[in-house]
Amino acid sequence: MRPTVYIKDLKNHVGEEVTLKGWLYNKRSSGKLKFLILRDGTGYIQCVVFKGNVSEEIFDSADKLTQESSFEVKGKVKAEPRSVGGYELDVTDMKTVAISHEYPITPKEHGIEFLIDNRHLWVRSKRQVAILKIRARIVKAIRDFFDSRGFTLFDPPIITPNACEGTSTLFEMDYFDLGKAYLTQSGQLYVESGAMALGKVYSFGPTFRAEKSKTRRHLTEFWMVEPEMAFYNLDDDMDLAEEFLEYIVQTVLAECKEELKELERDTTKLEKVVRPFPRISYDEAVEILKKNGINFEWGNDLGGTDETVISGQYDRPVMVHRYPAEVKAFYMKRDPENLKVALAVDVLAPEGYGEIIGGSQREDDLDLLLSRIKEHNLPQSFFEWYLDLRRFGSVPHSGFGLGLERTVSWICGLEHLREAIPFPRMIYRNTP
């Protein structure tokens, strides 16, 4: 057989004889013609097997292919706008690699639990392939954004001796003879040390939260990107977050048109994700809730319903800043003009997708940070290394974290985060 090409590259081979390798997505027959839909991970193409062009053995072997059987075909590429992918292959030779057993995910409706049980196979479907390709492009956009702006990748540990916001939602483990250790829920504290060494850094990796939540917005294992910048205040932090989100969304719009089309995503809503984003204070957010009939008390953190109501007032992400200090983490700097609020910001995605970025200016004063640790009843001994960052050349600094799966979910228009990651881990599921 001729050298293998991929379906995505067929536009460069019209009129040529090529070899394709992949799996049978679907098939149909019409007398002396058999139509095989081949998928290879890069696209789909209809392979036309005409009895007059192949041997009897090859024609019969095409009949024996079952859904998801693997095979190779050789043939001439021709443009065919009416066909899937816009091209067809006139088959001259075919080789079966493996006949698939009866495939459990047939072309019909299946319940979500069945599909999750078969996630290792479900990822082959057109919809899931589109989602995973968009996820991959978002990951690349994240790295491209920071790498092209002078940031250095800085990898924090996944196993930590303590939590950055308490241990109530952490996965705990015994760590040899050293006592308890935890799976990280954020690399932020460690990434701050990177900012003091390298100026502008970011981490990007898996994080874990043992939060007993069953909502469509929660996973127990997810990916976060966390930039941290020396000499940045809250306004600088918000400027960066705004530019960052715009870059991600506009990149996906430009480079994932086919995938968004497969998902039937309303891209007109994503096209509005351009700077500037509206910026409102927590106080203004409370007023919006009250005007919309929500009985909300100042001092509470925003819940999912609250975020949906607030973001529903805008056609692009909205930045809510200066939250009550009591509901925010100990390391967040308080506003010198109003000590009741922290210099924190959450970015709420439109269309009810909730918080996708949480960030703040960090407390850079040693004495104030010590008092916050005591207020939160955290053991100071665990944070001595973190306090050293204030003892030795402290500077104003800020950062934020973006949840990858929430971002994928929003951009793809998904109902649940479980489709935004290859193998979702939730409170009631850790398989397959």
Protein backbone atom coordinates (compact mmCIF):
# COMPACT_ATOMS: atom_id res chain seq x y z
CA MET A 1 0.00 0.00 0.00
CA ARG A 2 1.03 3.61 -0.64
CA PRO A 3 2.40 5.82 2.17
CA THR A 4 -0.29 6.63 4.72
CA VAL A 5 -1.89 10.07 4.79
CA TYR A 6 -4.41 11.49 7.23
CA ILE A 7 -7.94 12.51 6.37
CA LYS A 8 -7.31 16.10 7.43
CA ASP A 9 -4.65 16.36 4.69
CA LEU A 10 -6.69 14.95 1.79
CA LYS A 11 -7.13 18.41 0.27
CA ASN A 12 -3.47 18.14 -0.72
CA HIS A 13 -3.94 14.78 -2.46
CA VAL A 14 -6.95 15.19 -4.76
CA GLY A 15 -6.48 12.98 -7.81
CA GLU A 16 -3.74 10.96 -6.13
CA GLU A 17 -3.75 7.39 -4.88
CA VAL A 18 -3.27 7.23 -1.11
CA THR A 19 -3.56 4.82 1.80
CA LEU A 20 -5.77 5.59 4.80
CA LYS A 21 -5.83 3.72 8.12
CA GLY A 22 -8.56 3.90 10.72
CA TRP A 23 -11.82 2.49 12.04
CA LEU A 24 -15.27 1.90 10.57
CA TYR A 25 -17.65 4.57 11.77
CA ASN A 26 -20.62 3.45 9.69
CA LYS A 27 -21.45 1.64 6.43
CA ARG A 28 -24.21 1.05 3.91
CA SER A 29 -24.59 -1.00 0.74
CA SER A 30 -26.31 -0.50 -2.61
CA GLY A 31 -25.93 -3.48 -4.91
CA LYS A 32 -22.43 -3.46 -6.37
CA LEU A 33 -21.43 -0.51 -4.17
CA LYS A 34 -20.43 -0.42 -0.54
CA PHE A 35 -19.96 2.86 1.30
CA LEU A 36 -17.60 2.70 4.26
CA ILE A 37 -17.23 5.73 6.56
CA LEU A 38 -13.67 5.67 7.84
CA ARG A 39 -12.47 7.73 10.79
CA ASP A 40 -8.81 8.15 11.69
CA GLY A 41 -8.90 10.67 14.53
CA THR A 42 -8.37 13.62 12.20
CA GLY A 43 -11.64 13.39 10.29
CA TYR A 44 -14.14 11.23 8.42
CA ILE A 45 -14.31 10.13 4.79
CA GLN A 46 -16.59 7.96 2.68
CA CYS A 47 -14.72 5.10 1.01
CA VAL A 48 -16.55 3.77 -2.04
CA VAL A 49 -15.97 0.08 -2.77
CA PHE A 50 -17.18 -0.76 -6.31
CA LYS A 51 -17.34 -4.45 -7.14
CA GLY A 52 -15.76 -3.84 -10.54
CA ASN A 53 -12.69 -2.15 -9.04
CA VAL A 54 -11.67 -4.75 -6.44
CA SER A 55 -11.35 -8.50 -6.14
CA GLU A 56 -14.24 -10.66 -4.95
CA GLU A 57 -12.33 -11.30 -1.74
CA ILE A 58 -11.94 -7.59 -0.96
CA PHE A 59 -15.57 -6.86 -1.83
CA ASP A 60 -16.70 -9.62 0.56
CA SER A 61 -14.33 -8.48 3.31
CA ALA A 62 -15.92 -5.00 3.19
CA ASP A 63 -19.21 -6.73 4.05
CA LYS A 64 -17.70 -8.32 7.12
CA LEU A 65 -16.51 -5.06 8.70
CA THR A 66 -18.44 -4.25 11.87
CA GLN A 67 -18.74 -0.92 13.67
CA GLU A 68 -15.27 0.11 14.97
CA SER A 69 -13.42 -2.60 13.02
CA SER A 70 -9.95 -1.37 12.05
CA PHE A 71 -8.81 -1.48 8.43
CA GLU A 72 -6.60 0.06 5.75
CA VAL A 73 -7.75 1.23 2.33
CA LYS A 74 -5.98 2.34 -0.80
CA GLY A 75 -7.65 4.41 -3.46
CA LYS A 76 -7.89 7.63 -5.43
CA VAL A 77 -8.99 10.82 -3.66
CA LYS A 78 -11.67 12.94 -5.28
CA ALA A 79 -13.47 16.07 -4.16
CA GLU A 80 -17.13 15.43 -3.35
CA PRO A 81 -18.91 18.33 -1.58
CA ARG A 82 -21.97 16.16 -0.85
CA SER A 83 -19.91 13.59 1.05
CA VAL A 84 -18.83 13.71 4.70
CA GLY A 85 -15.67 15.80 4.95
CA GLY A 86 -15.98 16.99 1.35
CA TYR A 87 -13.93 14.16 -0.18
CA GLU A 88 -14.36 10.52 -1.20
CA LEU A 89 -11.97 7.64 -1.76
CA ASP A 90 -12.50 5.29 -4.71
CA VAL A 91 -11.15 2.10 -3.18
CA THR A 92 -8.78 -0.15 -5.16
CA ASP A 93 -7.44 -2.23 -2.28
CA MET A 94 -8.38 -2.96 1.32
CA LYS A 95 -6.88 -4.83 4.26
CA THR A 96 -8.74 -5.72 7.47
CA VAL A 97 -6.66 -5.19 10.61
CA ALA A 98 -9.13 -6.37 13.29
CA ILE A 99 -12.85 -7.16 13.30
CA SER A 100 -14.54 -5.45 16.22
CA HIS A 101 -16.71 -7.38 18.64
CA GLU A 102 -20.31 -6.16 18.96
CA TYR A 103 -19.78 -2.50 19.79
CA PRO A 104 -21.78 -1.39 22.86
CA ILE A 105 -22.30 2.24 21.79
CA THR A 106 -24.58 1.90 18.79
CA PRO A 107 -25.96 4.83 16.72
CA LYS A 108 -28.89 5.44 19.07
CA GLU A 109 -29.65 7.27 22.30
CA HIS A 110 -27.90 6.00 25.44
CA GLY A 111 -28.27 7.05 29.07
CA ILE A 112 -25.52 9.17 30.60
CA GLU A 113 -24.55 6.55 33.18
CA PHE A 114 -24.09 3.96 30.43
CA LEU A 115 -21.96 6.39 28.44
CA ILE A 116 -19.81 7.28 31.46
CA ASP A 117 -19.37 3.57 32.26
CA ASN A 118 -18.08 3.23 28.70
CA ARG A 119 -16.13 6.48 28.66
CA HIS A 120 -13.09 4.71 27.20
CA LEU A 121 -15.23 4.03 24.11
CA TRP A 122 -17.49 7.09 24.27
CA VAL A 123 -14.48 9.34 23.55
CA ARG A 124 -14.54 7.97 19.98
CA SER A 125 -17.88 9.64 19.17
CA LYS A 126 -17.97 12.74 16.95
CA ARG A 127 -19.15 14.99 19.77
CA GLN A 128 -16.53 13.83 22.24
CA VAL A 129 -13.76 14.06 19.64
CA ALA A 130 -14.79 17.66 18.96
CA ILE A 131 -14.75 18.51 22.68
CA LEU A 132 -11.36 16.91 23.26
CA LYS A 133 -9.85 18.69 20.25
CA ILE A 134 -11.13 22.02 21.56
CA ARG A 135 -9.73 21.18 24.99
CA ALA A 136 -6.33 20.45 23.42
CA ARG A 137 -6.43 23.76 21.53
CA ILE A 138 -7.33 25.65 24.71
CA VAL A 139 -4.36 24.04 26.47
CA LYS A 140 -2.07 25.16 23.65
CA ALA A 141 -3.57 28.66 23.70
CA ILE A 142 -2.91 28.89 27.45
CA ARG A 143 0.73 27.92 27.03
CA ASP A 144 1.19 30.13 23.97
CA PHE A 145 -0.28 33.12 25.81
CA PHE A 146 2.06 32.96 28.79
CA ASP A 147 5.13 31.72 26.90
CA SER A 148 4.88 34.63 24.47
CA ARG A 149 4.56 37.21 27.26
CA GLY A 150 7.72 36.52 29.20
CA PHE A 151 6.31 34.02 31.70
CA THR A 152 8.30 30.99 32.86
CA LEU A 153 6.61 27.65 33.53
CA PHE A 154 7.03 26.79 37.23
CA ASP A 155 5.88 23.37 38.43
CA PRO A 156 4.67 23.16 42.05
CA PRO A 157 4.41 19.85 43.90
CA ILE A 158 1.23 17.77 43.74
CA ILE A 159 1.85 16.22 47.18
CA THR A 160 1.94 18.90 49.87
CA PRO A 161 2.34 18.89 53.67
CA ASN A 162 -0.46 21.42 54.17
CA ALA A 163 -3.23 23.29 52.38
CA CYS A 164 -3.27 26.87 51.20
CA GLU A 165 -6.87 27.36 52.39
CA GLY A 166 -7.32 24.76 55.14
CA THR A 167 -7.67 20.97 54.86
CA SER A 168 -11.46 20.49 54.86
CA THR A 169 -11.67 19.72 51.14
CA LEU A 170 -8.37 17.93 50.64
CA PHE A 171 -7.58 14.30 49.83
CA GLU A 172 -5.45 13.10 52.72
CA MET A 173 -2.80 10.37 52.74
CA ASP A 174 -0.20 8.90 55.06
CA TYR A 175 3.26 9.93 53.90
CA PHE A 176 5.77 7.37 55.18
CA ASP A 177 7.07 8.43 58.63
CA LEU A 178 6.36 12.12 58.11
CA GLY A 179 2.67 12.06 59.00
CA LYS A 180 -0.15 13.37 56.85
CA ALA A 181 0.21 14.75 53.34
CA TYR A 182 -2.37 16.00 50.86
CA LEU A 183 -3.06 16.14 47.15
CA THR A 184 -2.81 19.76 46.12
CA GLN A 185 -5.88 21.91 45.62
CA SER A 186 -3.76 24.77 44.32
CA GLY A 187 -0.11 25.35 43.56
CA GLN A 188 -0.43 29.04 44.29
CA LEU A 189 1.71 29.38 47.42
CA TYR A 190 4.59 27.58 45.73
CA VAL A 191 4.12 29.55 42.52
CA GLU A 192 4.49 32.77 44.54
CA SER A 193 8.03 31.67 45.36
CA GLY A 194 8.61 31.31 41.61
CA ALA A 195 7.45 34.89 41.03
CA MET A 196 10.01 36.12 43.58
CA ALA A 197 12.73 34.31 41.62
CA LEU A 198 11.62 34.76 38.01
CA GLY A 199 9.25 37.75 38.02
CA LYS A 200 6.38 36.27 36.01
CA VAL A 201 5.58 32.56 36.23
CA TYR A 202 2.72 30.15 35.70
CA SER A 203 1.91 26.60 36.72
CA PHE A 204 -0.36 24.27 34.79
CA GLY A 205 -1.37 20.88 36.09
CA PRO A 206 -3.89 18.69 37.92
CA THR A 207 -5.45 19.74 41.21
CA PHE A 208 -7.74 17.87 43.59
CA ARG A 209 -10.64 18.88 45.83
CA ALA A 210 -12.53 16.49 48.08
CA GLU A 211 -15.56 18.74 47.99
CA LYS A 212 -18.75 16.71 48.47
CA SER A 213 -20.60 18.45 45.69
CA LYS A 214 -22.71 16.80 43.00
CA THR A 215 -23.35 19.86 40.85
CA ARG A 216 -22.59 20.04 37.14
CA ARG A 217 -19.82 22.53 37.94
CA HIS A 218 -17.68 20.27 40.12
CA LEU A 219 -15.07 17.56 39.61
CA THR A 220 -12.77 16.09 42.25
CA GLU A 221 -9.82 16.11 39.82
CA PHE A 222 -9.34 18.97 37.40
CA TRP A 223 -6.66 21.08 35.74
CA MET A 224 -5.71 24.62 36.68
CA VAL A 225 -3.41 27.23 35.24
CA GLU A 226 -2.09 29.65 37.86
CA PRO A 227 0.00 32.68 36.86
CA GLU A 228 1.75 34.72 39.53
CA MET A 229 3.36 38.10 38.90
CA ALA A 230 5.75 40.19 41.00
CA PHE A 231 4.98 43.94 41.18
CA TYR A 232 1.37 43.45 39.98
CA ASN A 233 -1.53 45.02 41.85
CA LEU A 234 -5.20 43.99 41.57
CA ASP A 235 -5.82 46.18 38.51
CA ASP A 236 -2.82 44.65 36.75
CA ASP A 237 -4.14 41.21 37.67
CA MET A 238 -7.56 41.98 36.18
CA ASP A 239 -6.01 43.41 33.02
CA LEU A 240 -4.06 40.20 32.49
CA ALA A 241 -7.07 37.94 33.19
CA GLU A 242 -9.14 39.92 30.73
CA GLU A 243 -6.53 39.73 27.97
CA PHE A 244 -6.02 36.03 28.71
CA LEU A 245 -9.68 35.05 28.36
CA GLU A 246 -10.13 37.06 25.19
CA TYR A 247 -7.08 35.34 23.67
CA ILE A 248 -8.32 31.85 24.50
CA VAL A 249 -11.84 32.38 23.15
CA GLN A 250 -10.79 34.17 19.98
CA THR A 251 -8.15 31.49 19.28
CA VAL A 252 -10.74 28.71 19.53
CA LEU A 253 -13.17 30.64 17.32
CA ALA A 254 -10.48 31.05 14.67
CA GLU A 255 -9.04 27.54 14.76
CA CYS A 256 -11.83 25.17 15.85
CA LYS A 257 -14.63 26.10 13.48
CA GLU A 258 -15.48 22.52 12.49
CA GLU A 259 -15.50 21.31 16.09
CA LEU A 260 -17.75 24.15 17.24
CA LYS A 261 -20.06 23.39 14.32
CA GLU A 262 -20.21 19.72 15.33
CA LEU A 263 -21.24 20.83 18.83
CA GLU A 264 -23.84 23.21 17.37
CA ARG A 265 -22.33 25.95 19.52
CA ASP A 266 -23.85 29.42 19.12
CA THR A 267 -20.60 31.18 18.27
CA THR A 268 -22.21 34.63 18.14
CA LYS A 269 -22.10 34.59 21.94
CA LEU A 270 -18.40 33.74 21.97
CA GLU A 271 -17.66 36.44 19.40
CA LYS A 272 -18.68 39.02 22.02
CA VAL A 273 -15.89 37.93 24.36
CA VAL A 274 -13.64 40.90 23.64
CA ARG A 275 -12.16 43.54 25.90
CA PRO A 276 -13.10 45.51 27.86
CA PHE A 277 -15.05 43.28 30.26
CA PRO A 278 -17.44 44.90 32.73
CA ARG A 279 -15.96 45.31 36.20
CA ILE A 280 -18.24 45.60 39.21
CA SER A 281 -17.58 45.59 42.94
CA TYR A 282 -19.06 42.99 45.26
CA ASP A 283 -21.31 45.78 46.59
CA GLU A 284 -22.64 46.39 43.08
CA ALA A 285 -23.15 42.65 42.62
CA VAL A 286 -25.26 42.55 45.79
CA GLU A 287 -27.43 45.36 44.43
CA ILE A 288 -27.94 43.45 41.18
CA LEU A 289 -29.09 40.41 43.15
CA LYS A 290 -31.53 42.44 45.23
CA LYS A 291 -32.98 44.11 42.13
CA ASN A 292 -33.57 40.64 40.70
CA GLY A 293 -35.45 39.43 43.75
CA ILE A 294 -32.62 37.44 45.34
CA ASN A 295 -32.60 37.59 49.13
CA PHE A 296 -28.84 37.99 49.55
CA GLU A 297 -27.07 39.17 52.68
CA TRP A 298 -23.89 41.25 52.42
CA GLY A 299 -20.96 39.22 53.67
CA ASN A 300 -21.95 35.92 52.10
CA ASP A 301 -20.01 34.36 49.27
CA LEU A 302 -21.70 34.18 45.87
CA GLY A 303 -23.36 30.86 45.08
CA GLY A 304 -23.98 29.30 41.69
CA THR A 305 -27.45 30.82 41.33
CA ASP A 306 -26.12 34.24 42.37
CA GLU A 307 -23.34 34.05 39.78
CA THR A 308 -25.84 33.09 37.07
CA VAL A 309 -28.07 36.06 37.86
CA ILE A 310 -25.14 38.49 37.88
CA SER A 311 -23.52 37.20 34.70
CA GLY A 312 -26.94 37.19 33.00
CA GLN A 313 -26.83 40.99 32.98
CA TYR A 314 -23.90 41.00 30.54
CA ASP A 315 -22.99 39.57 27.12
CA ARG A 316 -19.37 38.76 28.05
CA PRO A 317 -17.48 37.72 31.20
CA VAL A 318 -17.97 40.03 34.18
CA MET A 319 -15.29 40.72 36.78
CA VAL A 320 -16.53 40.99 40.38
CA HIS A 321 -13.92 42.47 42.71
CA ARG A 322 -13.42 43.45 46.35
CA TYR A 323 -15.20 40.65 48.19
CA PRO A 324 -15.72 40.62 51.95
CA ALA A 325 -12.40 39.60 53.48
CA GLU A 326 -14.13 37.09 55.77
CA VAL A 327 -15.11 34.81 52.87
CA LYS A 328 -11.72 34.90 51.20
CA ALA A 329 -8.43 33.14 51.89
CA PHE A 330 -5.90 34.33 54.46
CA TYR A 331 -3.27 35.29 51.85
CA MET A 332 -5.46 37.86 50.08
CA LYS A 333 -4.51 41.48 50.72
CA ARG A 334 -7.15 43.74 52.21
CA ASP A 335 -8.11 46.99 50.56
CA PRO A 336 -6.30 49.79 52.44
CA GLU A 337 -9.30 52.04 51.72
CA ASN A 338 -11.75 49.54 53.22
CA LEU A 339 -10.30 46.83 55.44
CA LYS A 340 -13.55 44.87 55.35
CA VAL A 341 -12.91 43.81 51.76
CA ALA A 342 -10.13 41.86 50.09
CA LEU A 343 -8.40 42.86 46.87
CA ALA A 344 -9.87 39.79 45.19
CA VAL A 345 -11.56 39.19 41.85
CA ASP A 346 -13.70 36.44 40.37
CA VAL A 347 -14.42 36.32 36.66
CA LEU A 348 -17.89 34.96 35.90
CA ALA A 349 -18.53 33.44 32.49
CA PRO A 350 -21.77 34.30 30.67
CA GLU A 351 -24.58 31.85 29.91
CA GLY A 352 -24.68 30.54 33.48
CA TYR A 353 -21.24 28.91 33.53
CA GLY A 354 -20.15 30.60 36.74
CA GLU A 355 -16.69 31.39 38.05
CA ILE A 356 -13.85 30.44 35.72
CA ILE A 357 -11.14 32.64 37.24
CA GLY A 358 -10.44 33.47 40.86
CA GLY A 359 -7.57 35.76 41.79
CA SER A 360 -6.28 38.42 44.11
CA GLN A 361 -3.47 40.68 45.14
CA ARG A 362 -1.50 38.76 47.75
CA GLU A 363 -0.69 40.07 51.21
CA ASP A 364 2.94 41.23 51.04
CA ASP A 365 3.27 42.56 54.61
CA LEU A 366 4.86 40.01 56.97
CA ASP A 367 3.10 41.14 60.15
CA LEU A 368 -0.31 41.30 58.49
CA LEU A 369 0.14 37.86 56.95
CA LEU A 370 1.12 36.45 60.36
CA SER A 371 -2.04 37.88 61.89
CA ARG A 372 -4.19 36.40 59.07
CA ILE A 373 -2.69 32.95 59.67
CA LYS A 374 -3.60 33.23 63.36
CA GLU A 375 -7.11 34.49 62.55
CA HIS A 376 -7.70 31.43 60.38
CA ASN A 377 -6.32 29.10 63.09
CA LEU A 378 -3.66 27.74 60.75
CA PRO A 379 -0.42 26.28 62.13
CA GLN A 380 2.30 28.88 61.57
CA SER A 381 5.01 26.23 61.46
CA PHE A 382 3.61 24.88 58.16
CA PHE A 383 3.90 28.33 56.59
CA GLU A 384 7.36 29.41 57.71
CA TRP A 385 8.78 28.90 54.21
CA TYR A 386 5.89 30.95 52.79
CA LEU A 387 6.52 33.70 55.33
CA ASP A 388 10.15 33.79 54.19
CA LEU A 389 8.91 35.23 50.91
CA ARG A 390 7.88 38.31 52.95
CA ARG A 391 11.00 38.30 55.12
CA PHE A 392 13.41 38.38 52.22
CA GLY A 393 12.58 41.04 49.64
CA SER A 394 8.78 41.21 49.74
CA VAL A 395 7.06 43.04 46.89
CA PRO A 396 3.44 43.63 45.85
CA HIS A 397 2.32 40.66 43.78
CA SER A 398 -0.83 39.14 42.35
CA GLY A 399 -2.11 36.09 40.56
CA PHE A 400 -5.14 34.04 39.63
CA GLY A 401 -6.27 30.53 38.79
CA LEU A 402 -8.31 29.42 35.80
CA GLY A 403 -10.12 26.10 35.82
CA LEU A 404 -9.53 24.35 32.50
CA GLU A 405 -12.64 22.15 32.56
CA ARG A 406 -14.98 25.04 33.38
CA THR A 407 -13.45 26.99 30.52
CA VAL A 408 -13.84 24.06 28.12
CA SER A 409 -17.41 23.55 29.30
CA TRP A 410 -18.30 27.20 28.68
CA ILE A 411 -16.62 27.51 25.29
CA CYS A 412 -18.14 24.21 24.08
CA GLY A 413 -21.56 24.97 25.57
CA LEU A 414 -21.65 21.77 27.63
CA GLU A 415 -24.27 20.88 30.22
CA HIS A 416 -21.81 19.16 32.58
CA LEU A 417 -18.07 19.23 33.30
CA ARG A 418 -17.87 15.44 32.92
CA GLU A 419 -17.56 15.86 29.14
CA ALA A 420 -14.76 18.43 29.44
CA ILE A 421 -12.08 15.97 30.61
CA PRO A 422 -11.16 12.56 29.17
CA PHE A 423 -11.95 10.58 32.35
CA PRO A 424 -14.03 12.56 34.88
CA ARG A 425 -13.62 11.98 38.59
CA MET A 426 -16.65 12.90 40.67
CA ILE A 427 -17.85 12.27 44.21
CA TYR A 428 -19.70 9.13 43.09
CA ARG A 429 -17.32 7.94 40.36
CA ASN A 430 -13.64 7.05 40.00
CA THR A 431 -13.93 4.59 37.07
CA PRO A 432 -13.14 3.70 34.34
